[in-house]
Protein backbone atom coordinates (compact mmCIF):
# COMPACT_ATOMS: atom_id res chain seq x y z
CA MET A 1 0.00 0.00 0.00
CA LYS A 2 1.45 3.32 -1.06
CA ILE A 3 1.42 5.93 1.71
CA TYR A 4 1.03 8.96 -0.53
CA THR A 5 -1.59 9.07 -3.27
CA LYS A 6 -1.48 12.78 -4.14
CA THR A 7 -5.29 12.74 -4.34
CA GLY A 8 -5.54 15.10 -1.37
CA ASP A 9 -3.13 17.70 -2.66
CA LYS A 10 -5.96 20.10 -3.49
CA GLY A 11 -7.57 19.97 -0.04
CA THR A 12 -10.09 17.18 -0.47
CA THR A 13 -10.27 13.61 0.79
CA SER A 14 -12.43 10.55 0.13
CA LEU A 15 -15.04 9.13 2.45
CA PHE A 16 -15.82 5.40 2.56
CA GLY A 17 -17.99 5.07 -0.49
CA GLY A 18 -15.84 7.32 -2.67
CA LYS A 19 -17.40 10.75 -2.21
CA ARG A 20 -14.80 13.53 -1.99
CA VAL A 21 -15.21 16.33 0.55
CA PRO A 22 -13.03 19.24 1.73
CA LYS A 23 -10.55 18.29 4.44
CA HIS A 24 -12.14 20.91 6.70
CA HIS A 25 -15.61 19.28 6.42
CA ILE A 26 -17.25 18.57 9.79
CA ARG A 27 -17.24 14.84 8.95
CA ILE A 28 -13.44 14.91 8.57
CA GLU A 29 -13.09 17.01 11.73
CA SER A 30 -15.25 14.46 13.56
CA TYR A 31 -13.33 11.32 12.68
CA GLY A 32 -10.02 13.20 12.81
CA THR A 33 -10.70 14.14 16.42
CA VAL A 34 -11.62 10.52 17.20
CA ASP A 35 -8.27 9.52 15.69
CA GLU A 36 -6.52 12.11 17.87
CA LEU A 37 -8.36 10.71 20.90
CA ASN A 38 -7.24 7.20 19.98
CA SER A 39 -3.61 8.38 19.99
CA HIS A 40 -4.04 9.97 23.42
CA ILE A 41 -5.57 6.71 24.69
CA GLY A 42 -2.48 4.92 23.34
CA LEU A 43 -0.25 7.30 25.26
CA LEU A 44 -2.28 6.66 28.40
CA ARG A 45 -2.08 2.89 27.82
CA ASP A 46 1.73 3.16 27.67
CA GLN A 47 1.84 4.40 31.28
CA LYS A 48 2.52 2.22 34.31
CA ILE A 49 -1.09 1.24 34.98
CA ASP A 50 -2.79 -2.02 35.90
CA LYS A 51 -3.35 -4.76 33.31
CA GLN A 52 -7.15 -4.65 33.58
CA THR A 53 -7.16 -0.95 32.69
CA LYS A 54 -4.69 -1.50 29.83
CA ASP A 55 -6.87 -4.29 28.45
CA LEU A 56 -9.97 -2.08 28.54
CA LEU A 57 -8.06 0.78 26.89
CA ILE A 58 -7.13 -1.58 24.02
CA LYS A 59 -10.83 -2.44 23.60
CA ILE A 60 -11.66 1.26 23.68
CA GLN A 61 -9.09 1.91 20.95
CA ASP A 62 -10.72 -0.79 18.84
CA ARG A 63 -14.14 0.82 19.36
CA LEU A 64 -12.70 4.21 18.42
CA PHE A 65 -11.54 2.74 15.10
CA THR A 66 -15.10 1.50 14.61
CA ILE A 67 -16.46 4.96 15.39
CA GLY A 68 -13.95 6.50 12.97
CA SER A 69 -15.18 4.12 10.26
CA ILE A 70 -18.80 5.02 10.94
CA LEU A 71 -18.04 8.75 10.81
CA ALA A 72 -15.90 8.37 7.66
CA THR A 73 -18.70 6.69 5.72
CA ASP A 74 -20.72 8.57 3.13
CA PRO A 75 -24.28 8.08 4.40
CA ASP A 76 -25.61 8.06 0.83
CA LYS A 77 -23.39 5.07 0.02
CA ALA A 78 -23.79 3.11 3.27
CA ILE A 79 -27.31 1.76 2.60
CA LEU A 80 -28.64 0.31 -0.66
CA LYS A 81 -32.09 1.25 -1.95
CA ASN A 82 -33.47 -2.06 -0.62
CA GLY A 83 -32.36 -1.07 2.90
CA LYS A 84 -29.42 -3.46 3.12
CA GLU A 85 -25.99 -2.26 4.16
CA ARG A 86 -23.60 -1.76 1.28
CA LEU A 87 -20.43 -1.38 3.30
CA ASN A 88 -19.49 -3.87 5.99
CA ILE A 89 -18.82 -1.49 8.87
CA PRO A 90 -18.99 -2.73 12.47
CA LYS A 91 -21.41 -1.15 14.92
CA ILE A 92 -21.23 0.19 18.44
CA SER A 93 -23.33 -2.10 20.63
CA GLU A 94 -25.18 -1.63 23.88
CA ALA A 95 -22.59 -4.03 25.37
CA ASP A 96 -19.81 -1.59 24.39
CA ILE A 97 -21.55 1.19 26.30
CA GLU A 98 -22.35 -1.08 29.25
CA SER A 99 -18.69 -2.13 29.54
CA LEU A 100 -17.76 1.51 30.14
CA GLU A 101 -20.58 1.93 32.66
CA LEU A 102 -19.53 -1.19 34.55
CA ALA A 103 -15.92 0.00 34.65
CA ILE A 104 -17.03 3.42 35.93
CA ASP A 105 -19.18 1.84 38.64
CA LYS A 106 -16.37 -0.53 39.69
CA MET A 107 -13.81 2.29 39.97
CA ASN A 108 -16.26 4.51 41.86
CA GLU A 109 -16.69 1.82 44.54
CA ASP A 110 -13.12 2.51 45.72
CA LEU A 111 -13.11 6.30 45.34
CA SER A 112 -14.15 8.93 47.80
CA GLU A 113 -17.34 10.81 47.07
CA MET A 114 -16.79 13.77 44.81
CA THR A 115 -17.93 17.05 46.31
CA HIS A 116 -16.02 19.51 44.07
CA PHE A 117 -14.52 19.71 40.62
CA VAL A 118 -10.93 18.45 40.50
CA LEU A 119 -8.02 20.33 38.95
CA PRO A 120 -6.33 18.22 36.26
CA GLY A 121 -2.83 17.10 37.21
CA GLY A 122 -0.95 15.59 40.11
CA HIS A 123 0.92 12.98 38.09
CA GLN A 124 1.88 12.65 34.44
CA SER A 125 -0.39 9.63 33.90
CA VAL A 126 -3.33 11.47 35.47
CA SER A 127 -2.66 14.47 33.22
CA PHE A 128 -2.58 12.25 30.11
CA CYS A 129 -5.95 10.87 31.19
CA HIS A 130 -7.43 14.36 31.56
CA ILE A 131 -6.09 15.37 28.14
CA ALA A 132 -7.74 12.30 26.62
CA ARG A 133 -10.98 13.24 28.41
CA CYS A 134 -10.89 16.76 26.94
CA VAL A 135 -10.20 15.46 23.43
CA CYS A 136 -13.07 13.00 23.91
CA ARG A 137 -15.40 15.87 24.78
CA ARG A 138 -14.29 17.69 21.60
CA ALA A 139 -14.88 14.51 19.58
CA GLU A 140 -18.36 14.35 21.08
CA ARG A 141 -19.06 18.01 20.22
CA ASN A 142 -17.91 17.50 16.64
CA ALA A 143 -19.91 14.28 16.29
CA THR A 144 -23.08 15.95 17.57
CA ALA A 145 -22.59 18.79 15.08
CA LEU A 146 -22.25 16.23 12.29
CA TYR A 147 -25.26 14.27 13.59
CA ASP A 148 -27.40 17.41 13.29
CA ILE A 149 -26.47 17.61 9.59
CA GLU A 150 -26.32 13.92 8.65
CA ALA A 151 -27.54 11.37 11.17
CA PHE A 152 -25.58 8.18 11.83
CA GLU A 153 -25.73 5.40 14.40
CA SER A 154 -26.81 7.22 17.58
CA ARG A 155 -24.92 4.84 19.88
CA VAL A 156 -21.73 6.56 18.67
CA LEU A 157 -22.81 9.70 20.56
CA ILE A 158 -23.71 7.71 23.66
CA TYR A 159 -20.36 5.87 23.58
CA LEU A 160 -18.35 9.08 23.29
CA ASN A 161 -20.31 10.63 26.14
CA ARG A 162 -19.79 7.61 28.37
CA LEU A 163 -16.11 7.40 27.39
CA SER A 164 -15.45 10.93 28.62
CA ASP A 165 -17.10 9.98 31.92
CA TYR A 166 -14.94 6.85 32.08
CA LEU A 167 -11.77 8.88 31.46
CA PHE A 168 -12.68 11.31 34.24
CA VAL A 169 -13.23 8.51 36.75
CA LEU A 170 -10.09 6.75 35.52
CA ALA A 171 -8.10 9.94 36.20
CA ARG A 172 -9.42 9.88 39.79
CA LYS A 173 -8.57 6.18 40.12
CA LEU A 174 -5.06 6.78 38.81
CA SER A 175 -4.64 9.64 41.27
CA LYS A 176 -5.49 7.23 44.07
CA ASP A 177 -3.36 4.35 42.68
CA LEU A 178 -0.35 6.61 42.14
CA GLN A 179 -0.88 8.46 45.43
CA ALA A 180 -1.03 11.72 43.53
CA GLU A 181 -2.48 14.80 45.14
CA GLU A 182 -6.02 15.47 43.97
CA ILE A 183 -6.67 19.19 44.27
CA GLN A 184 -10.28 20.27 44.49
CA TRP A 185 -11.36 23.41 42.72
CA ILE A 186 -13.00 25.68 45.25
CA PRO A 187 -14.11 28.99 43.72
CA LYS A 188 -12.48 32.00 45.35
CA LYS A 189 -14.83 34.66 46.61
CA SER A 190 -13.86 38.15 45.62
């Protein structure tokens, strides 16, 4: 497979299905941000964290590739006139969403109750987790903007929303595991 094709030299790229769109199109911004998130998850996975978390992060990365594929697909080419799928693209399942919810609930069992917002930081691994959370929120914002224009599988939006929650709770868990200081944000009165 040749890395450079020169087909994007004039600022356009192809969606799954062949349609060409500008590289600044909201669809490209959406799956590009999911790709960026996937890289941040990889950086987080490379930290000294427990095997169970690493294994789930690998599954999350796989699901993010699925989401990228869904977002990169031309909706006009995805379904044939008879209603059958033309392109064989995996789906996000309820089980994918539930796995994040179960992980969140399990981590929360061992964490103190949250009474304030928490300032990102305290340890490099925790900071990487917060960066991934912020990129996930941007991916969700971009995906919802795209969804308003051209609807796609709605579980993608749910998964991204739940993933940002998971990353927040994971940052708190890592703070505890790494004995990092968790600083609460308490608004200053003027």
